[in-house]
Amino acid sequence: MALSETTTLRVPRELRDEISRLAEQRGTTMLGVVTDAVSRLGREEWWLSVRDALDGLDAAQTASYLAESAGLDAAVADGLDGP
């Protein structure tokens, strides 16, 4: 990962030590650990927003969503690998 600009982030020593421990355990850098953690958190937040949106559907919207999903499932199960 090439960085054109950097900055300093002050964290408690215990957190820095934990990041360092994880980096050593994974065979990566501290930056790699932080990058992975932030990426995972972003995905988690995205999925939470999807779940919240689905939970907010009314009965008609839910039926429409399920019908569309069933159609997509059938297309995926057609055995074709490409366009």
N, C-alpha and C. Protein backbone atom coordinates (compact mmCIF):
# COMPACT_ATOMS: atom_id res chain seq x y z
N MET A 1 0.85 -1.17 0.00
CA MET A 1 0.00 0.00 0.00
C MET A 1 0.90 1.23 0.00
N ALA A 2 0.80 2.02 -1.01
CA ALA A 2 1.60 3.23 -1.11
C ALA A 2 0.82 4.40 -0.53
N LEU A 3 1.43 5.09 0.37
CA LEU A 3 0.78 6.24 0.99
C LEU A 3 1.49 7.51 0.55
N SER A 4 0.73 8.45 0.03
CA SER A 4 1.35 9.70 -0.38
C SER A 4 1.46 10.66 0.79
N GLU A 5 0.52 10.58 1.71
CA GLU A 5 0.56 11.43 2.89
C GLU A 5 0.30 10.56 4.11
N THR A 6 0.88 10.93 5.21
CA THR A 6 0.64 10.20 6.46
C THR A 6 0.35 11.21 7.56
N THR A 7 -0.13 10.68 8.66
CA THR A 7 -0.37 11.50 9.84
C THR A 7 -0.11 10.63 11.06
N THR A 8 -0.09 11.24 12.19
CA THR A 8 0.13 10.53 13.44
C THR A 8 -1.18 10.43 14.20
N LEU A 9 -1.43 9.26 14.73
CA LEU A 9 -2.61 9.02 15.54
C LEU A 9 -2.13 8.60 16.92
N ARG A 10 -2.52 9.34 17.91
CA ARG A 10 -2.11 9.00 19.27
C ARG A 10 -3.10 8.01 19.86
N VAL A 11 -2.57 6.88 20.32
CA VAL A 11 -3.41 5.85 20.94
C VAL A 11 -2.77 5.46 22.27
N PRO A 12 -3.57 4.93 23.18
CA PRO A 12 -2.99 4.46 24.44
C PRO A 12 -1.94 3.37 24.17
N ARG A 13 -0.94 3.31 24.99
CA ARG A 13 0.15 2.35 24.83
C ARG A 13 -0.38 0.92 24.79
N GLU A 14 -1.39 0.61 25.58
CA GLU A 14 -1.93 -0.75 25.61
C GLU A 14 -2.52 -1.11 24.24
N LEU A 15 -3.19 -0.17 23.59
CA LEU A 15 -3.75 -0.42 22.27
C LEU A 15 -2.63 -0.60 21.25
N ARG A 16 -1.63 0.22 21.32
CA ARG A 16 -0.47 0.11 20.42
C ARG A 16 0.17 -1.26 20.58
N ASP A 17 0.31 -1.71 21.81
CA ASP A 17 0.92 -3.02 22.07
C ASP A 17 0.06 -4.15 21.51
N GLU A 18 -1.26 -4.01 21.62
CA GLU A 18 -2.17 -5.03 21.09
C GLU A 18 -2.09 -5.07 19.57
N ILE A 19 -2.04 -3.91 18.92
CA ILE A 19 -1.90 -3.86 17.47
C ILE A 19 -0.59 -4.50 17.05
N SER A 20 0.47 -4.21 17.79
CA SER A 20 1.77 -4.78 17.50
C SER A 20 1.75 -6.30 17.65
N ARG A 21 1.12 -6.78 18.71
CA ARG A 21 1.02 -8.22 18.95
C ARG A 21 0.26 -8.91 17.82
N LEU A 22 -0.85 -8.30 17.40
CA LEU A 22 -1.63 -8.87 16.30
C LEU A 22 -0.83 -8.87 15.00
N ALA A 23 -0.10 -7.80 14.76
CA ALA A 23 0.71 -7.72 13.54
C ALA A 23 1.76 -8.83 13.53
N GLU A 24 2.42 -9.02 14.64
CA GLU A 24 3.43 -10.08 14.72
C GLU A 24 2.80 -11.45 14.53
N GLN A 25 1.67 -11.67 15.17
CA GLN A 25 0.97 -12.95 15.07
C GLN A 25 0.53 -13.23 13.64
N ARG A 26 0.11 -12.20 12.92
CA ARG A 26 -0.38 -12.37 11.55
C ARG A 26 0.72 -12.26 10.51
N GLY A 27 1.90 -11.85 10.92
CA GLY A 27 2.99 -11.68 9.97
C GLY A 27 2.79 -10.49 9.06
N THR A 28 2.24 -9.42 9.62
CA THR A 28 1.97 -8.22 8.84
C THR A 28 2.46 -7.01 9.62
N THR A 29 2.12 -5.85 9.13
CA THR A 29 2.52 -4.61 9.80
C THR A 29 1.40 -4.12 10.71
N MET A 30 1.73 -3.18 11.55
CA MET A 30 0.71 -2.55 12.38
C MET A 30 -0.31 -1.83 11.49
N LEU A 31 0.17 -1.20 10.42
CA LEU A 31 -0.73 -0.55 9.48
C LEU A 31 -1.68 -1.56 8.85
N GLY A 32 -1.17 -2.74 8.54
CA GLY A 32 -2.02 -3.79 7.97
C GLY A 32 -3.12 -4.20 8.93
N VAL A 33 -2.80 -4.31 10.21
CA VAL A 33 -3.80 -4.67 11.22
C VAL A 33 -4.86 -3.59 11.32
N VAL A 34 -4.45 -2.33 11.38
CA VAL A 34 -5.40 -1.23 11.51
C VAL A 34 -6.26 -1.13 10.25
N THR A 35 -5.64 -1.28 9.08
CA THR A 35 -6.38 -1.22 7.82
C THR A 35 -7.43 -2.32 7.77
N ASP A 36 -7.05 -3.53 8.16
CA ASP A 36 -7.99 -4.65 8.17
C ASP A 36 -9.13 -4.40 9.16
N ALA A 37 -8.81 -3.89 10.34
CA ALA A 37 -9.82 -3.63 11.35
C ALA A 37 -10.83 -2.58 10.87
N VAL A 38 -10.35 -1.53 10.26
CA VAL A 38 -11.24 -0.47 9.77
C VAL A 38 -12.10 -1.01 8.62
N SER A 39 -11.51 -1.80 7.75
CA SER A 39 -12.27 -2.40 6.64
C SER A 39 -13.37 -3.31 7.17
N ARG A 40 -13.04 -4.14 8.13
CA ARG A 40 -14.03 -5.05 8.72
C ARG A 40 -15.15 -4.26 9.39
N LEU A 41 -14.81 -3.21 10.10
CA LEU A 41 -15.82 -2.39 10.75
C LEU A 41 -16.73 -1.75 9.71
N GLY A 42 -16.15 -1.29 8.61
CA GLY A 42 -16.96 -0.70 7.54
C GLY A 42 -17.95 -1.70 6.97
N ARG A 43 -17.50 -2.93 6.73
CA ARG A 43 -18.41 -3.97 6.22
C ARG A 43 -19.49 -4.29 7.25
N GLU A 44 -19.12 -4.37 8.51
CA GLU A 44 -20.09 -4.66 9.57
C GLU A 44 -21.16 -3.57 9.62
N GLU A 45 -20.73 -2.32 9.54
CA GLU A 45 -21.68 -1.20 9.56
C GLU A 45 -22.60 -1.27 8.34
N TRP A 46 -22.05 -1.63 7.16
CA TRP A 46 -22.86 -1.74 5.96
C TRP A 46 -23.93 -2.81 6.13
N TRP A 47 -23.54 -3.99 6.63
CA TRP A 47 -24.51 -5.07 6.82
C TRP A 47 -25.56 -4.70 7.86
N LEU A 48 -25.17 -3.97 8.90
CA LEU A 48 -26.16 -3.50 9.87
C LEU A 48 -27.18 -2.59 9.21
N SER A 49 -26.72 -1.72 8.30
CA SER A 49 -27.65 -0.83 7.61
C SER A 49 -28.58 -1.63 6.69
N VAL A 50 -28.06 -2.69 6.06
CA VAL A 50 -28.91 -3.54 5.22
C VAL A 50 -29.96 -4.21 6.08
N ARG A 51 -29.55 -4.76 7.21
CA ARG A 51 -30.52 -5.43 8.11
C ARG A 51 -31.57 -4.44 8.60
N ASP A 52 -31.15 -3.23 8.96
CA ASP A 52 -32.10 -2.21 9.40
C ASP A 52 -33.10 -1.88 8.29
N ALA A 53 -32.61 -1.76 7.06
CA ALA A 53 -33.49 -1.46 5.93
C ALA A 53 -34.49 -2.59 5.71
N LEU A 54 -34.02 -3.83 5.78
CA LEU A 54 -34.92 -4.97 5.59
C LEU A 54 -35.94 -5.06 6.72
N ASP A 55 -35.50 -4.76 7.94
CA ASP A 55 -36.42 -4.79 9.07
C ASP A 55 -37.51 -3.72 8.94
N GLY A 56 -37.22 -2.66 8.19
CA GLY A 56 -38.17 -1.57 8.03
C GLY A 56 -39.17 -1.75 6.90
N LEU A 57 -39.09 -2.86 6.17
CA LEU A 57 -40.02 -3.10 5.07
C LEU A 57 -41.41 -3.46 5.59
N ASP A 58 -42.44 -2.98 4.90
CA ASP A 58 -43.80 -3.39 5.24
C ASP A 58 -44.08 -4.73 4.53
N ALA A 59 -45.27 -5.27 4.72
CA ALA A 59 -45.60 -6.60 4.19
C ALA A 59 -45.49 -6.65 2.66
N ALA A 60 -45.98 -5.64 1.97
CA ALA A 60 -45.93 -5.64 0.50
C ALA A 60 -44.49 -5.54 0.01
N GLN A 61 -43.69 -4.71 0.66
CA GLN A 61 -42.29 -4.56 0.28
C GLN A 61 -41.53 -5.86 0.54
N THR A 62 -41.85 -6.52 1.65
CA THR A 62 -41.20 -7.79 1.97
C THR A 62 -41.54 -8.84 0.92
N ALA A 63 -42.81 -8.92 0.52
CA ALA A 63 -43.22 -9.88 -0.50
C ALA A 63 -42.51 -9.61 -1.82
N SER A 64 -42.40 -8.34 -2.19
CA SER A 64 -41.70 -7.97 -3.42
C SER A 64 -40.23 -8.35 -3.35
N TYR A 65 -39.60 -8.06 -2.22
CA TYR A 65 -38.19 -8.40 -2.02
C TYR A 65 -37.97 -9.91 -2.12
N LEU A 66 -38.84 -10.69 -1.48
CA LEU A 66 -38.70 -12.15 -1.50
C LEU A 66 -38.91 -12.70 -2.91
N ALA A 67 -39.86 -12.13 -3.65
CA ALA A 67 -40.09 -12.58 -5.03
C ALA A 67 -38.89 -12.27 -5.91
N GLU A 68 -38.33 -11.08 -5.76
CA GLU A 68 -37.15 -10.72 -6.55
C GLU A 68 -35.96 -11.61 -6.17
N SER A 69 -35.79 -11.88 -4.89
CA SER A 69 -34.70 -12.74 -4.44
C SER A 69 -34.84 -14.15 -5.00
N ALA A 70 -36.07 -14.67 -5.02
CA ALA A 70 -36.30 -16.01 -5.57
C ALA A 70 -35.93 -16.05 -7.05
N GLY A 71 -36.26 -14.99 -7.78
CA GLY A 71 -35.89 -14.93 -9.19
C GLY A 71 -34.39 -14.90 -9.39
N LEU A 72 -33.70 -14.16 -8.55
CA LEU A 72 -32.23 -14.11 -8.65
C LEU A 72 -31.62 -15.45 -8.27
N ASP A 73 -32.18 -16.11 -7.26
CA ASP A 73 -31.68 -17.43 -6.85
C ASP A 73 -31.81 -18.42 -8.01
N ALA A 74 -32.92 -18.36 -8.73
CA ALA A 74 -33.14 -19.26 -9.86
C ALA A 74 -32.11 -18.99 -10.96
N ALA A 75 -31.82 -17.73 -11.19
CA ALA A 75 -30.83 -17.39 -12.22
C ALA A 75 -29.44 -17.88 -11.85
N VAL A 76 -29.11 -17.79 -10.60
CA VAL A 76 -27.79 -18.22 -10.14
C VAL A 76 -27.68 -19.75 -10.22
N ALA A 77 -28.77 -20.44 -10.00
CA ALA A 77 -28.77 -21.91 -9.98
C ALA A 77 -28.91 -22.52 -11.36
N ASP A 78 -28.84 -21.71 -12.42
CA ASP A 78 -29.07 -22.26 -13.77
C ASP A 78 -27.88 -23.06 -14.30
N GLY A 79 -26.78 -23.05 -13.59
CA GLY A 79 -25.62 -23.85 -14.00
C GLY A 79 -24.72 -23.18 -14.99
N LEU A 80 -25.07 -22.01 -15.44
CA LEU A 80 -24.23 -21.30 -16.41
C LEU A 80 -23.16 -20.52 -15.65
N ASP A 81 -21.95 -20.53 -16.18
CA ASP A 81 -20.84 -19.87 -15.50
C ASP A 81 -20.51 -18.48 -16.03
N GLY A 82 -21.05 -18.09 -17.12
CA GLY A 82 -20.67 -16.80 -17.67
C GLY A 82 -21.75 -16.20 -18.52
N PRO A 83 -21.45 -15.03 -19.06
CA PRO A 83 -22.45 -14.34 -19.89
C PRO A 83 -22.69 -15.04 -21.21
